[in-house]
Protein backbone atom coordinates (compact mmCIF):
# COMPACT_ATOMS: atom_id res chain seq x y z
CA UNK A 1 -8.39 5.43 -15.26
CA UNK A 2 -9.26 3.90 -11.90
CA UNK A 3 -6.76 4.17 -9.07
CA UNK A 4 -6.93 1.73 -6.17
CA UNK A 5 -5.61 3.45 -3.02
CA UNK A 6 -4.17 1.03 -0.47
CA UNK A 7 -3.52 2.55 2.97
CA UNK A 8 -1.22 0.15 4.80
CA UNK A 9 -1.43 -0.89 8.44
CA UNK A 10 0.29 -3.63 10.41
CA UNK A 11 3.37 -5.74 9.87
CA UNK A 12 4.79 -7.53 6.86
CA UNK A 13 2.01 -10.13 6.59
CA UNK A 14 -0.77 -7.55 6.76
CA UNK A 15 1.01 -5.28 4.29
CA UNK A 16 1.44 -8.15 1.84
CA UNK A 17 -2.25 -9.06 2.05
CA UNK A 18 -3.39 -5.44 1.64
CA UNK A 19 -1.20 -4.83 -1.42
CA UNK A 20 -2.20 -8.17 -2.98
CA UNK A 21 -5.88 -7.32 -2.50
CA UNK A 22 -5.24 -3.92 -4.10
CA UNK A 23 -3.81 -5.68 -7.16
CA UNK A 24 -6.84 -8.00 -7.31
CA UNK A 25 -9.17 -4.99 -7.33
CA UNK A 26 -7.04 -3.18 -9.93
CA UNK A 27 -7.13 -6.23 -12.19
CA UNK A 28 -10.88 -6.69 -11.76
CA UNK A 29 -11.86 -3.05 -12.29
CA UNK A 30 -8.93 -1.91 -14.42
CA UNK A 31 -6.47 0.65 -13.17
CA UNK A 32 -3.37 0.97 -11.09
CA UNK A 33 -2.43 0.53 -7.44
CA UNK A 34 -1.26 3.43 -5.28
CA UNK A 35 0.19 2.40 -1.92
CA UNK A 36 -0.03 4.91 0.95
CA UNK A 37 2.45 4.36 3.77
CA UNK A 38 1.47 7.37 5.93
CA UNK A 39 -0.43 5.35 8.51
CA UNK A 40 2.60 3.14 9.25
CA UNK A 41 4.55 5.96 10.91
CA UNK A 42 1.61 6.85 13.17
CA UNK A 43 1.02 3.19 14.11
CA UNK A 44 1.75 2.63 17.81
CA UNK A 45 4.63 0.23 17.08
CA UNK A 46 6.09 2.42 14.27
CA UNK A 47 5.93 -0.18 11.52
CA UNK A 48 8.12 0.09 8.47
CA UNK A 49 7.22 -0.42 4.81
CA UNK A 50 9.41 -3.41 3.96
CA UNK A 51 7.68 -4.95 0.95
CA UNK A 52 9.95 -3.26 -1.64
CA UNK A 53 12.90 -4.92 0.14
CA UNK A 54 11.26 -8.32 -0.33
CA UNK A 55 9.76 -8.08 -3.82
CA UNK A 56 9.20 -5.76 -6.77
CA UNK A 57 5.70 -4.37 -6.27
CA UNK A 58 5.14 -2.68 -9.58
CA UNK A 59 3.01 -0.11 -7.75
CA UNK A 60 3.32 3.59 -7.04
CA UNK A 61 4.10 4.44 -3.42
CA UNK A 62 2.79 7.64 -1.81
CA UNK A 63 4.32 8.87 1.42
CA UNK A 64 4.24 11.92 3.67
CA UNK A 65 0.67 13.06 3.27
CA UNK A 66 0.28 12.80 -0.49
CA UNK A 67 -3.16 11.23 -0.14
CA UNK A 68 -6.15 12.60 1.79
CA UNK A 69 -7.07 10.79 5.00
């Protein structure tokens, strides 16, 4: 099974676009989406992963170094 890894960066708008694009790729190539939030904590403005508060993603979320950089 294919896994589309989405490494988030930026604010809410950028996160929404990145996750949506991950779902487009997963639909096109078959597979699931894995969202990596590690880069948000190292971002200079310390962004927060807020998408689950806004909508149900239906994606797996990896945090704290679970994915290779």
